[in-house]
Amino acid sequence: MLRRLALIAASAALFAGTPVVFASDLRVGLASEPTAMDPHFHNLSPNNSLLGHIFQSLVGQDEQQRLVPELAESWRAVDNTTWEFKLRKNVKWHDGSPFTADDVLATFARAPNVPGSPSSFAIYVKGKTLVKIDDHTVHIKTPEAYPLMPNDISTIYIISKKYGESGKTADYNSGKAAIGTGPYKFAQYTPGDRIVLERNTAYWGKKPEWDKVIFRPIKAGPSRVAALLAGDVDMIEAVPSVDLARLKKDPKVSVNQTTSNRVIYLHLDHWRDDSPFVKAKDGGPIKNPLRDLRVRQALSKLIDRDSIVSHVMEDDAIKAGQLLPEGFFGVSDKLKPVAFDPSGAKKLLEAAGVGGGFQLTIHGPNDRYPNDAKIAEAVGQMLTRGGIDTKVATMTRSVFFRDATTGGADKTPKFSFILVGWGSGTGEASSPLKSLLMSYDREKGYGGANRGRYSNAEVDKLTIEALSTVDDTRRAALLAKATEIAINDVGIIPLHYQINTWATRKGLKYTARADEYTQAMDAHAGN
């Protein structure tokens, strides 16, 4: 803490009295950098956020995830199983060639099939058949009615058929295939150092404000704050909760916040009797106790969410009881955060035959979510106090997501108990239900991020029914019911919802976004 204060104080001294002069460049400090420049490689917020400068979707989302026209100027349901998208006619790729329906068809053929993808976009693509009507009209067909089509389509960035269809992830990382329609062009990608984008002077929409945008990955929170106060960057994302109160009082800094669509949660091994990181109290083998509902309920009761929110997150979070916070579509009004109840947990463990406890390892990233390693440590301590001897192992996000997804035998999930997060890319409950809690089905695209292999036939049935229900009220009720069943069955253990926070230098304003995306298009010079 003393080192943190000294670093920030020194930076503040450098910054004090210095007139704020904005060049034509915008310099941004990122908490977590993209894992690739390939827009279909990894369905991960840092990737989607940054790549939204270069590539665009047919349907866009504003800062509160409301749908807006983007590469499609309009869309409509032609009949119960067909959606029509009318494409803009004045759009050029960064190389000057025209954007057409052929690019859309090429995109949907590629998106679910990128080799080595840690988290695929298949859930948004599978089951959809695209038909080119003319150069600027596309029909998307489904076997049954599908009212969430525009929401799904908003998650898929369109690539150039000419450059991107056969491009490998390495070709995107080099810039060869990173040809988009967005307001900024690819200029440089140096992992661990910087990503540089340049203004697209031929952009079809509102002209970009900045000549150049320089993204610098700055993993450590104190270092991001110091870089902002020293004037090395103009804005930072994921403001450390420990520095938030002080920055809000600093007249040279502007803080912008909104409630996130992201839940931080624990996923458990639901399918293996011999789980690799679960052992008996003496270290010997044990039949996986995580498959017992009573044990899962006990683990949830052993977690003091209030303490995590107040002490680990410095009150910069909201404790969670389900997949999305209040106000999002498909949220249940019957689910509340599980109360801290050690005595109740003890009774459940005894009833399950493991009253003496067992050994468990919690795995998680240490550079992906605010305080992620600290949260894992806190959970580990709480479980250990409750009789579950818990070890904590954290690692860089690239290693974590790879192993958590395909690091085990036959490319199955490697870990038994993980800390992870999910933000609804569509802004409603079907996204986490399809990805986290529906039974894993590679062919249908369900359960792509179901790293605990949870499976409940009723959850599957209700979610699938919701996806084909046109009536909004009925669909919301089905999504809420599916959520209730999955959460009461402890398919996952929700911990908290994040609060998204950005800080900028005086003279720069940023529009806070529910989806966590840090985008130059939302940053504007002027008080």
Protein backbone atom coordinates (compact mmCIF):
# COMPACT_ATOMS: atom_id res chain seq x y z
CA MET A 1 0.00 0.00 0.00
CA LEU A 2 2.87 2.39 0.82
CA ARG A 3 4.44 1.71 -2.55
CA ARG A 4 1.05 2.31 -4.23
CA LEU A 5 0.60 5.67 -2.46
CA ALA A 6 4.14 6.75 -3.21
CA LEU A 7 3.78 5.92 -6.89
CA ILE A 8 0.46 7.72 -7.23
CA ALA A 9 1.68 10.73 -5.24
CA ALA A 10 4.75 11.07 -7.42
CA SER A 11 2.64 10.86 -10.55
CA ALA A 12 0.16 13.40 -9.18
CA ALA A 13 3.02 15.79 -8.47
CA LEU A 14 4.13 15.56 -12.09
CA PHE A 15 0.59 16.14 -13.26
CA ALA A 16 -0.25 19.02 -10.88
CA GLY A 17 -0.28 22.41 -12.56
CA THR A 18 0.28 20.96 -16.01
CA PRO A 19 -2.20 22.41 -18.51
CA VAL A 20 -4.34 19.77 -20.16
CA VAL A 21 -3.69 19.77 -23.88
CA PHE A 22 -5.26 17.10 -26.02
CA ALA A 23 -3.42 16.08 -29.13
CA SER A 24 -5.18 14.36 -31.99
CA ASP A 25 -4.34 11.03 -30.39
CA LEU A 26 -6.27 9.24 -27.66
CA ARG A 27 -4.19 7.13 -25.28
CA VAL A 28 -6.03 4.43 -23.34
CA GLY A 29 -4.85 2.22 -20.49
CA LEU A 30 -6.42 -1.25 -20.65
CA ALA A 31 -6.76 -3.59 -17.70
CA SER A 32 -6.93 -6.62 -19.96
CA GLU A 33 -5.77 -6.77 -23.55
CA PRO A 34 -7.31 -8.82 -26.38
CA THR A 35 -6.03 -12.32 -26.96
CA ALA A 36 -6.09 -11.84 -30.75
CA MET A 37 -7.10 -9.43 -33.52
CA ASP A 38 -9.31 -12.14 -35.01
CA PRO A 39 -12.94 -11.07 -34.34
CA HIS A 40 -14.12 -14.70 -34.25
CA PHE A 41 -11.28 -16.30 -32.27
CA HIS A 42 -12.40 -15.65 -28.70
CA ASN A 43 -15.81 -14.47 -27.46
CA LEU A 44 -14.22 -12.36 -24.74
CA SER A 45 -15.08 -8.77 -23.79
CA PRO A 46 -11.55 -7.32 -24.24
CA ASN A 47 -11.48 -8.78 -27.76
CA ASN A 48 -15.00 -7.70 -28.67
CA SER A 49 -14.44 -4.24 -27.21
CA LEU A 50 -11.31 -3.38 -29.11
CA LEU A 51 -12.24 -5.11 -32.35
CA GLY A 52 -15.45 -3.06 -32.47
CA HIS A 53 -13.27 -0.17 -33.66
CA ILE A 54 -12.16 -2.11 -36.74
CA PHE A 55 -15.10 -4.39 -37.48
CA GLN A 56 -18.85 -3.90 -37.25
CA SER A 57 -22.00 -5.99 -36.89
CA LEU A 58 -25.17 -5.83 -38.93
CA VAL A 59 -26.94 -4.67 -35.76
CA GLY A 60 -25.15 -2.53 -33.19
CA GLN A 61 -25.65 -1.88 -29.48
CA ASP A 62 -25.57 1.44 -27.67
CA GLU A 63 -24.09 2.01 -24.20
CA GLN A 64 -27.07 0.31 -22.51
CA GLN A 65 -27.15 -2.53 -25.08
CA ARG A 66 -30.19 -1.21 -26.93
CA LEU A 67 -30.17 -2.36 -30.55
CA VAL A 68 -29.30 0.20 -33.21
CA PRO A 69 -28.72 -0.01 -36.99
CA GLU A 70 -25.13 -0.57 -38.03
CA LEU A 71 -24.15 -2.36 -41.27
CA ALA A 72 -27.82 -3.24 -41.69
CA GLU A 73 -29.94 -0.10 -42.03
CA SER A 74 -33.10 -2.06 -41.16
CA TRP A 75 -34.38 -5.53 -40.31
CA ARG A 76 -37.76 -7.22 -40.04
CA ALA A 77 -39.38 -10.61 -39.61
CA VAL A 78 -40.67 -11.66 -43.03
CA ASP A 79 -42.49 -14.63 -41.53
CA ASN A 80 -42.20 -16.81 -38.41
CA THR A 81 -38.92 -18.38 -39.51
CA THR A 82 -37.29 -15.72 -41.74
CA TRP A 83 -35.64 -12.42 -40.88
CA GLU A 84 -34.67 -9.91 -43.56
CA PHE A 85 -31.69 -7.58 -43.20
CA LYS A 86 -31.28 -4.65 -45.56
CA LEU A 87 -27.61 -3.73 -45.89
CA ARG A 88 -26.20 -0.22 -46.25
CA LYS A 89 -25.13 0.63 -49.79
CA ASN A 90 -22.50 3.28 -49.06
CA VAL A 91 -20.12 1.17 -46.99
CA LYS A 92 -16.53 0.50 -48.04
CA TRP A 93 -13.99 -1.87 -46.58
CA HIS A 94 -10.74 -0.32 -45.41
CA ASP A 95 -9.16 -1.32 -48.73
CA GLY A 96 -11.85 0.63 -50.64
CA SER A 97 -13.85 -2.35 -51.91
CA PRO A 98 -17.66 -2.37 -51.43
CA PHE A 99 -19.41 -4.19 -48.59
CA THR A 100 -22.01 -6.68 -49.88
CA ALA A 101 -24.11 -9.65 -48.84
CA ASP A 102 -21.27 -11.98 -49.87
CA ASP A 103 -19.25 -10.69 -46.92
CA VAL A 104 -22.11 -11.50 -44.55
CA LEU A 105 -22.41 -15.07 -45.82
CA ALA A 106 -18.64 -15.57 -45.57
CA THR A 107 -18.70 -14.29 -41.98
CA PHE A 108 -21.37 -16.72 -40.80
CA ALA A 109 -19.55 -19.63 -42.42
CA ARG A 110 -16.30 -18.77 -40.64
CA ALA A 111 -17.39 -17.51 -37.21
CA PRO A 112 -18.22 -20.87 -35.53
CA ASN A 113 -15.23 -22.72 -36.99
CA VAL A 114 -12.06 -20.87 -35.96
CA PRO A 115 -9.37 -23.41 -34.95
CA GLY A 116 -8.29 -23.28 -31.30
CA SER A 117 -11.06 -20.93 -30.20
CA PRO A 118 -11.24 -20.87 -26.35
CA SER A 119 -14.86 -19.62 -26.48
CA SER A 120 -16.65 -19.84 -29.80
CA PHE A 121 -19.36 -17.67 -31.34
CA ALA A 122 -21.20 -20.83 -32.37
CA ILE A 123 -24.08 -20.18 -29.95
CA TYR A 124 -25.02 -17.13 -32.02
CA VAL A 125 -24.57 -18.77 -35.43
CA LYS A 126 -25.69 -22.41 -35.22
CA GLY A 127 -29.17 -23.19 -36.52
CA LYS A 128 -29.23 -20.18 -38.84
CA THR A 129 -29.27 -20.49 -42.64
CA LEU A 130 -28.30 -17.42 -44.65
CA VAL A 131 -29.69 -16.70 -48.12
CA LYS A 132 -28.44 -13.92 -50.38
CA ILE A 133 -31.40 -12.18 -52.00
CA ASP A 134 -29.31 -9.50 -53.70
CA ASP A 135 -26.10 -7.61 -52.99
CA HIS A 136 -27.75 -5.66 -50.18
CA THR A 137 -30.42 -8.01 -48.86
CA VAL A 138 -29.88 -11.10 -46.71
CA HIS A 139 -32.47 -13.49 -45.31
CA ILE A 140 -31.64 -15.53 -42.22
CA LYS A 141 -33.80 -18.59 -41.70
CA THR A 142 -34.34 -20.79 -38.64
CA PRO A 143 -36.28 -24.06 -38.22
CA GLU A 144 -38.66 -22.35 -35.77
CA ALA A 145 -39.62 -18.81 -34.84
CA TYR A 146 -36.63 -16.97 -33.40
CA PRO A 147 -37.44 -13.50 -31.99
CA LEU A 148 -33.91 -12.91 -30.66
CA MET A 149 -32.35 -12.89 -34.12
CA PRO A 150 -31.33 -9.18 -34.02
CA ASN A 151 -29.78 -9.69 -30.55
CA ASP A 152 -27.72 -12.64 -31.77
CA ILE A 153 -26.68 -10.85 -34.95
CA SER A 154 -25.41 -7.90 -32.91
CA THR A 155 -22.65 -10.11 -31.46
CA ILE A 156 -21.06 -11.14 -34.78
CA TYR A 157 -18.51 -8.85 -36.43
CA ILE A 158 -18.63 -8.96 -40.23
CA ILE A 159 -15.38 -9.74 -42.03
CA SER A 160 -14.27 -9.13 -45.58
CA LYS A 161 -14.79 -12.17 -47.81
CA LYS A 162 -11.76 -11.10 -49.84
CA TYR A 163 -9.31 -10.91 -46.95
CA GLY A 164 -10.91 -12.53 -43.95
CA GLU A 165 -12.77 -15.64 -45.09
CA SER A 166 -9.64 -17.77 -45.47
CA GLY A 167 -7.56 -15.72 -43.06
CA LYS A 168 -6.12 -17.51 -40.07
CA THR A 169 -5.87 -15.90 -36.64
CA ALA A 170 -2.20 -15.14 -37.32
CA ASP A 171 -3.22 -13.22 -40.45
CA TYR A 172 -5.52 -11.02 -38.37
CA ASN A 173 -2.80 -10.49 -35.77
CA SER A 174 -0.38 -9.33 -38.46
CA GLY A 175 -2.99 -7.01 -39.95
CA LYS A 176 -3.15 -8.85 -43.27
CA ALA A 177 -6.75 -9.99 -42.71
CA ALA A 178 -7.78 -7.23 -40.28
CA ILE A 179 -9.68 -5.28 -42.93
CA GLY A 180 -12.93 -3.94 -41.54
CA THR A 181 -15.60 -1.32 -42.13
CA GLY A 182 -15.25 0.44 -38.77
CA PRO A 183 -14.23 3.99 -37.90
CA TYR A 184 -10.63 2.97 -37.21
CA LYS A 185 -8.09 0.91 -39.14
CA PHE A 186 -5.56 -1.61 -37.86
CA ALA A 187 -2.07 -0.08 -37.60
CA GLN A 188 -0.07 -2.09 -35.05
CA TYR A 189 -0.55 -5.04 -32.71
CA THR A 190 2.30 -5.76 -30.30
CA PRO A 191 1.00 -8.13 -27.58
CA GLY A 192 1.91 -6.92 -24.11
CA ASP A 193 2.91 -3.47 -25.37
CA ARG A 194 0.36 -1.64 -27.51
CA ILE A 195 -2.36 -1.74 -30.12
CA VAL A 196 -2.52 1.22 -32.47
CA LEU A 197 -5.51 2.17 -34.60
CA GLU A 198 -5.74 4.97 -37.16
CA ARG A 199 -8.70 7.06 -38.29
CA ASN A 200 -10.70 5.69 -41.23
CA THR A 201 -11.16 8.86 -43.27
CA ALA A 202 -13.62 7.10 -45.59
CA TYR A 203 -15.87 5.87 -42.77
CA TRP A 204 -19.53 5.72 -43.77
CA GLY A 205 -20.90 6.99 -40.43
CA LYS A 206 -20.08 9.79 -38.02
CA LYS A 207 -16.45 10.72 -38.57
CA PRO A 208 -14.11 9.46 -35.84
CA GLU A 209 -12.86 12.12 -33.43
CA TRP A 210 -9.30 10.88 -33.02
CA ASP A 211 -6.56 10.64 -35.64
CA LYS A 212 -4.98 7.78 -33.76
CA VAL A 213 -5.96 5.62 -30.77
CA ILE A 214 -3.20 3.95 -28.79
CA PHE A 215 -4.24 1.17 -26.41
CA ARG A 216 -1.68 0.20 -23.80
CA PRO A 217 -2.22 -2.90 -21.66
CA ILE A 218 -1.49 -1.93 -18.04
CA LYS A 219 -2.41 -4.95 -15.96
CA ALA A 220 -1.68 -3.54 -12.51
CA GLY A 221 -4.36 -1.20 -11.15
CA PRO A 222 -1.93 1.17 -9.35
CA SER A 223 0.10 1.47 -12.53
CA ARG A 224 -3.00 2.41 -14.55
CA VAL A 225 -3.92 5.11 -12.04
CA ALA A 226 -0.33 6.37 -11.99
CA ALA A 227 -0.22 6.49 -15.79
CA LEU A 228 -3.41 8.56 -15.84
CA LEU A 229 -2.21 11.03 -13.21
CA ALA A 230 1.19 11.34 -14.89
CA GLY A 231 -0.46 12.14 -18.22
CA ASP A 232 0.94 9.04 -19.91
CA VAL A 233 -2.61 8.02 -20.88
CA ASP A 234 -5.79 10.04 -21.27
CA MET A 235 -8.18 7.47 -19.83
CA ILE A 236 -8.19 4.14 -18.06
CA GLU A 237 -10.72 1.36 -17.63
CA ALA A 238 -11.40 -0.82 -14.58
CA VAL A 239 -10.45 1.79 -12.02
CA PRO A 240 -9.17 -0.06 -8.92
CA SER A 241 -11.83 -0.01 -6.24
CA VAL A 242 -9.27 1.01 -3.59
CA ASP A 243 -8.54 4.25 -5.52
CA LEU A 244 -12.10 5.09 -6.52
CA ALA A 245 -13.13 7.37 -3.65
CA ARG A 246 -9.95 9.45 -3.94
CA LEU A 247 -10.21 9.82 -7.71
CA LYS A 248 -13.82 10.98 -7.42
CA LYS A 249 -12.59 13.88 -5.28
CA ASP A 250 -9.74 14.78 -7.62
CA PRO A 251 -10.69 17.89 -9.68
CA LYS A 252 -8.24 16.86 -12.40
CA VAL A 253 -10.04 13.54 -12.99
CA SER A 254 -13.49 12.57 -14.20
CA VAL A 255 -14.98 9.22 -13.10
CA ASN A 256 -17.72 7.54 -15.13
CA GLN A 257 -19.68 4.48 -13.90
CA THR A 258 -22.61 2.21 -14.72
CA THR A 259 -23.86 -1.20 -13.58
CA SER A 260 -22.33 -4.03 -15.58
CA ASN A 261 -24.06 -6.90 -17.34
CA ARG A 262 -21.31 -9.16 -15.98
CA VAL A 263 -21.75 -11.65 -13.18
CA ILE A 264 -18.69 -13.06 -11.42
CA TYR A 265 -19.45 -16.66 -10.50
CA LEU A 266 -18.08 -20.11 -9.64
CA HIS A 267 -18.45 -23.08 -11.95
CA LEU A 268 -18.30 -26.61 -10.50
CA ASP A 269 -17.52 -30.03 -11.96
CA HIS A 270 -20.95 -31.59 -12.45
CA TRP A 271 -20.12 -34.58 -14.62
CA ARG A 272 -17.02 -36.46 -13.42
CA ASP A 273 -17.14 -38.93 -10.53
CA ASP A 274 -13.36 -38.65 -10.28
CA SER A 275 -12.71 -34.93 -10.45
CA PRO A 276 -9.02 -34.04 -10.83
CA PHE A 277 -8.82 -31.31 -8.19
CA VAL A 278 -11.14 -32.78 -5.56
CA LYS A 279 -9.61 -35.09 -2.94
CA ALA A 280 -10.59 -36.68 0.35
CA LYS A 281 -9.58 -34.94 3.57
CA ASP A 282 -6.42 -37.07 3.74
CA GLY A 283 -5.53 -36.41 0.11
CA GLY A 284 -6.79 -39.75 -1.17
CA PRO A 285 -9.42 -40.35 -3.83
CA ILE A 286 -13.06 -39.44 -3.25
CA LYS A 287 -16.22 -39.68 -5.31
CA ASN A 288 -16.80 -36.15 -6.56
CA PRO A 289 -18.94 -34.45 -3.86
CA LEU A 290 -19.66 -31.49 -6.13
CA ARG A 291 -22.23 -33.64 -7.92
CA ASP A 292 -24.35 -33.63 -4.76
CA LEU A 293 -26.81 -30.71 -4.62
CA ARG A 294 -26.41 -30.48 -0.84
CA VAL A 295 -22.68 -29.96 -1.17
CA ARG A 296 -23.14 -27.28 -3.81
CA GLN A 297 -25.67 -25.53 -1.61
CA ALA A 298 -23.26 -25.73 1.31
CA LEU A 299 -20.43 -24.18 -0.69
CA SER A 300 -22.69 -21.29 -1.64
CA LYS A 301 -23.73 -20.76 2.00
CA LEU A 302 -20.08 -20.68 3.10
CA ILE A 303 -19.40 -17.63 0.92
CA ASP A 304 -19.88 -14.25 2.55
CA ARG A 305 -20.87 -12.12 -0.44
CA ASP A 306 -21.26 -9.00 1.69
CA SER A 307 -17.65 -9.32 2.78
CA ILE A 308 -16.45 -9.78 -0.81
CA VAL A 309 -18.36 -6.69 -1.94
CA SER A 310 -17.29 -4.50 0.98
CA HIS A 311 -13.72 -5.65 1.63
CA VAL A 312 -12.43 -7.11 -1.64
CA MET A 313 -14.38 -4.92 -4.05
CA GLU A 314 -14.42 -1.81 -1.79
CA ASP A 315 -18.21 -1.56 -2.38
CA ASP A 316 -17.61 -1.28 -6.12
CA ALA A 317 -19.87 -4.29 -6.86
CA ILE A 318 -23.38 -5.61 -6.15
CA LYS A 319 -23.88 -9.06 -4.63
CA ALA A 320 -25.53 -11.48 -7.06
CA GLY A 321 -28.26 -14.09 -6.85
CA GLN A 322 -28.65 -14.93 -10.54
CA LEU A 323 -27.23 -14.36 -14.03
CA LEU A 324 -28.02 -10.68 -14.57
CA PRO A 325 -28.83 -7.74 -12.30
CA GLU A 326 -32.27 -6.23 -11.96
CA GLY A 327 -33.49 -4.38 -15.04
CA PHE A 328 -32.23 -6.78 -17.70
CA PHE A 329 -34.64 -8.86 -19.79
CA GLY A 330 -35.46 -12.32 -18.44
CA VAL A 331 -34.36 -11.67 -14.85
CA SER A 332 -36.29 -13.51 -12.09
CA ASP A 333 -37.88 -11.57 -9.23
CA LYS A 334 -37.79 -14.71 -7.05
CA LEU A 335 -34.04 -15.15 -6.75
CA LYS A 336 -31.99 -13.39 -4.08
CA PRO A 337 -28.30 -13.66 -3.17
CA VAL A 338 -27.66 -16.69 -0.94
CA ALA A 339 -27.13 -15.63 2.68
CA PHE A 340 -23.91 -16.41 4.52
CA ASP A 341 -24.87 -19.39 6.73
CA PRO A 342 -21.96 -21.52 8.04
CA SER A 343 -24.15 -23.55 10.40
CA GLY A 344 -26.61 -24.35 7.61
CA ALA A 345 -23.70 -25.32 5.38
CA LYS A 346 -22.33 -27.66 8.05
CA LYS A 347 -25.68 -29.47 8.30
CA LEU A 348 -25.83 -29.90 4.52
CA LEU A 349 -22.29 -31.30 4.38
CA GLU A 350 -23.09 -33.77 7.17
CA ALA A 351 -26.29 -34.84 5.40
CA ALA A 352 -24.24 -35.43 2.22
CA GLY A 353 -21.79 -37.64 4.09
CA VAL A 354 -18.85 -35.25 3.93
CA GLY A 355 -19.24 -33.55 7.29
CA GLY A 356 -15.51 -33.95 7.86
CA GLY A 357 -14.81 -31.94 4.74
CA PHE A 358 -12.60 -32.64 1.73
CA GLN A 359 -9.85 -30.99 -0.32
CA LEU A 360 -10.58 -28.68 -3.22
CA THR A 361 -8.62 -26.38 -5.53
CA ILE A 362 -10.13 -23.21 -6.95
CA HIS A 363 -8.60 -22.04 -10.23
CA GLY A 364 -9.04 -18.61 -11.77
CA PRO A 365 -7.39 -15.83 -13.78
CA ASN A 366 -5.25 -13.14 -12.19
CA ASP A 367 -5.47 -10.54 -14.95
CA ARG A 368 -9.00 -10.64 -16.33
CA TYR A 369 -11.53 -9.21 -13.83
CA PRO A 370 -11.17 -6.52 -11.16
CA ASN A 371 -9.59 -8.16 -8.09
CA ASP A 372 -10.01 -11.63 -9.60
CA ALA A 373 -7.10 -13.23 -7.73
CA LYS A 374 -8.19 -11.56 -4.47
CA ILE A 375 -11.74 -12.85 -4.93
CA ALA A 376 -10.43 -16.39 -5.45
CA GLU A 377 -8.28 -16.06 -2.31
CA ALA A 378 -11.26 -14.81 -0.30
CA VAL A 379 -13.47 -17.66 -1.47
CA GLY A 380 -10.71 -20.15 -0.67
CA GLN A 381 -10.38 -18.80 2.87
CA MET A 382 -14.14 -18.87 3.44
CA LEU A 383 -14.45 -22.48 2.28
CA THR A 384 -11.43 -23.51 4.36
CA ARG A 385 -12.99 -21.99 7.46
CA GLY A 386 -16.08 -24.06 6.70
CA GLY A 387 -14.10 -27.32 6.66
CA ILE A 388 -13.31 -27.54 2.92
CA ASP A 389 -9.51 -27.41 2.69
CA THR A 390 -9.20 -25.15 -0.35
CA LYS A 391 -6.08 -24.32 -2.33
CA VAL A 392 -6.05 -21.35 -4.71
CA ALA A 393 -4.29 -21.36 -8.09
CA THR A 394 -4.47 -18.34 -10.38
CA MET A 395 -2.80 -17.72 -13.72
CA THR A 396 -2.80 -15.43 -16.74
CA ARG A 397 -6.12 -15.33 -18.58
CA SER A 398 -4.74 -16.93 -21.76
CA VAL A 399 -3.57 -20.02 -19.88
CA PHE A 400 -6.66 -20.10 -17.67
CA PHE A 401 -9.25 -19.97 -20.45
CA ARG A 402 -7.36 -22.51 -22.54
CA ASP A 403 -7.07 -25.05 -19.74
CA ALA A 404 -10.50 -24.35 -18.25
CA THR A 405 -12.04 -25.07 -21.65
CA THR A 406 -9.95 -27.80 -23.29
CA GLY A 407 -6.98 -28.51 -21.01
CA GLY A 408 -8.21 -31.87 -19.72
CA ALA A 409 -8.31 -35.37 -21.16
CA ASP A 410 -9.77 -35.49 -24.68
CA LYS A 411 -9.87 -31.67 -24.68
CA THR A 412 -12.41 -31.51 -21.86
CA PRO A 413 -12.32 -28.86 -19.11
CA LYS A 414 -9.27 -29.38 -16.90
CA PHE A 415 -10.37 -27.89 -13.59
CA SER A 416 -12.89 -28.88 -10.90
CA PHE A 417 -13.87 -25.51 -9.44
CA ILE A 418 -13.26 -22.18 -11.15
CA LEU A 419 -13.79 -18.47 -10.68
CA VAL A 420 -14.91 -16.82 -13.91
CA GLY A 421 -17.22 -14.12 -15.25
CA TRP A 422 -19.83 -13.74 -17.97
CA GLY A 423 -21.25 -10.61 -19.54
CA SER A 424 -24.40 -10.98 -21.61
CA GLY A 425 -23.40 -10.00 -25.12
CA THR A 426 -27.06 -9.76 -26.11
CA GLY A 427 -28.15 -7.84 -23.02
CA GLU A 428 -30.67 -10.47 -21.87
CA ALA A 429 -30.80 -13.80 -20.04
CA SER A 430 -30.70 -16.23 -22.95
CA SER A 431 -27.00 -15.45 -23.50
CA PRO A 432 -25.72 -16.81 -20.15
CA LEU A 433 -28.32 -19.58 -20.15
CA LYS A 434 -27.23 -20.84 -23.58
CA SER A 435 -23.53 -20.45 -22.86
CA LEU A 436 -23.13 -21.41 -19.20
CA LEU A 437 -26.04 -23.64 -18.21
CA MET A 438 -27.46 -25.45 -21.22
CA SER A 439 -26.11 -28.96 -21.75
CA TYR A 440 -22.88 -28.92 -23.73
CA ASP A 441 -23.63 -29.65 -27.39
CA ARG A 442 -20.90 -28.69 -29.82
CA GLU A 443 -23.00 -29.35 -32.89
CA LYS A 444 -25.89 -27.13 -31.78
CA GLY A 445 -23.63 -24.52 -30.24
CA TYR A 446 -25.06 -24.84 -26.74
CA GLY A 447 -22.97 -24.74 -23.56
CA GLY A 448 -19.88 -23.31 -25.23
CA ALA A 449 -18.68 -21.85 -21.91
CA ASN A 450 -20.26 -24.55 -19.72
CA ARG A 451 -16.93 -25.51 -18.20
CA GLY A 452 -18.62 -27.47 -15.40
CA ARG A 453 -20.67 -29.51 -17.91
CA TYR A 454 -23.85 -28.80 -15.94
CA SER A 455 -26.87 -30.50 -17.53
CA ASN A 456 -30.54 -30.17 -16.67
CA ALA A 457 -33.17 -31.27 -19.19
CA GLU A 458 -35.76 -28.81 -17.87
CA VAL A 459 -33.37 -25.87 -18.20
CA ASP A 460 -32.61 -26.94 -21.77
CA LYS A 461 -36.29 -27.31 -22.61
CA LEU A 462 -37.36 -23.95 -21.16
CA THR A 463 -34.48 -22.07 -22.77
CA ILE A 464 -35.12 -23.59 -26.18
CA GLU A 465 -38.81 -22.79 -25.85
CA ALA A 466 -37.99 -19.20 -24.89
CA LEU A 467 -35.79 -18.84 -27.94
CA SER A 468 -38.75 -19.56 -30.22
CA THR A 469 -41.36 -17.57 -28.26
CA VAL A 470 -42.29 -14.33 -30.03
CA ASP A 471 -44.36 -12.84 -27.20
CA ASP A 472 -41.95 -10.79 -25.05
CA THR A 473 -43.84 -11.30 -21.80
CA ARG A 474 -44.02 -15.06 -22.25
CA ARG A 475 -40.36 -15.27 -23.33
CA ALA A 476 -39.22 -13.28 -20.29
CA ALA A 477 -41.17 -15.62 -18.01
CA LEU A 478 -39.60 -18.71 -19.62
CA LEU A 479 -36.09 -17.29 -19.27
CA ALA A 480 -36.76 -16.40 -15.64
CA LYS A 481 -38.08 -19.90 -14.90
CA ALA A 482 -35.07 -21.56 -16.56
CA THR A 483 -32.80 -19.31 -14.51
CA GLU A 484 -34.61 -20.20 -11.28
CA ILE A 485 -34.25 -23.94 -11.89
CA ALA A 486 -30.56 -23.68 -12.78
CA ILE A 487 -29.67 -21.39 -9.87
CA ASN A 488 -31.68 -23.40 -7.31
CA ASP A 489 -29.90 -26.50 -8.62
CA VAL A 490 -26.62 -24.58 -8.11
CA GLY A 491 -25.55 -25.01 -11.70
CA ILE A 492 -23.25 -22.11 -10.93
CA ILE A 493 -22.64 -20.06 -7.77
CA PRO A 494 -23.18 -16.33 -8.48
CA LEU A 495 -21.00 -13.99 -6.41
CA HIS A 496 -21.45 -10.40 -7.56
CA TYR A 497 -22.16 -8.08 -10.46
CA GLN A 498 -19.42 -5.70 -11.45
CA ILE A 499 -19.76 -1.94 -11.61
CA ASN A 500 -17.98 -0.65 -14.70
CA THR A 501 -15.74 2.34 -14.00
CA TRP A 502 -13.59 4.54 -16.23
CA ALA A 503 -11.47 7.55 -15.28
CA THR A 504 -10.32 10.28 -17.66
CA ARG A 505 -8.18 13.38 -17.50
CA LYS A 506 -9.94 16.72 -17.17
CA GLY A 507 -11.29 17.83 -20.53
CA LEU A 508 -12.24 14.35 -21.67
CA LYS A 509 -15.60 12.68 -21.10
CA TYR A 510 -16.45 9.03 -21.50
CA THR A 511 -19.92 7.48 -21.79
CA ALA A 512 -19.94 4.50 -19.42
CA ARG A 513 -21.18 1.26 -20.97
CA ALA A 514 -23.04 -1.70 -19.45
CA ASP A 515 -21.10 -4.13 -21.67
CA GLU A 516 -17.70 -2.97 -20.28
CA TYR A 517 -16.47 -2.01 -23.73
CA THR A 518 -13.84 0.71 -23.85
CA GLN A 519 -14.35 2.43 -27.17
CA ALA A 520 -12.82 5.58 -28.60
CA MET A 521 -16.19 6.41 -30.19
CA ASP A 522 -17.58 7.04 -26.69
CA ALA A 523 -14.73 9.36 -25.65
CA HIS A 524 -15.09 13.06 -26.44
CA ALA A 525 -12.93 16.09 -25.82
CA GLY A 526 -14.59 18.92 -23.89
CA ASN A 527 -15.88 19.47 -20.37
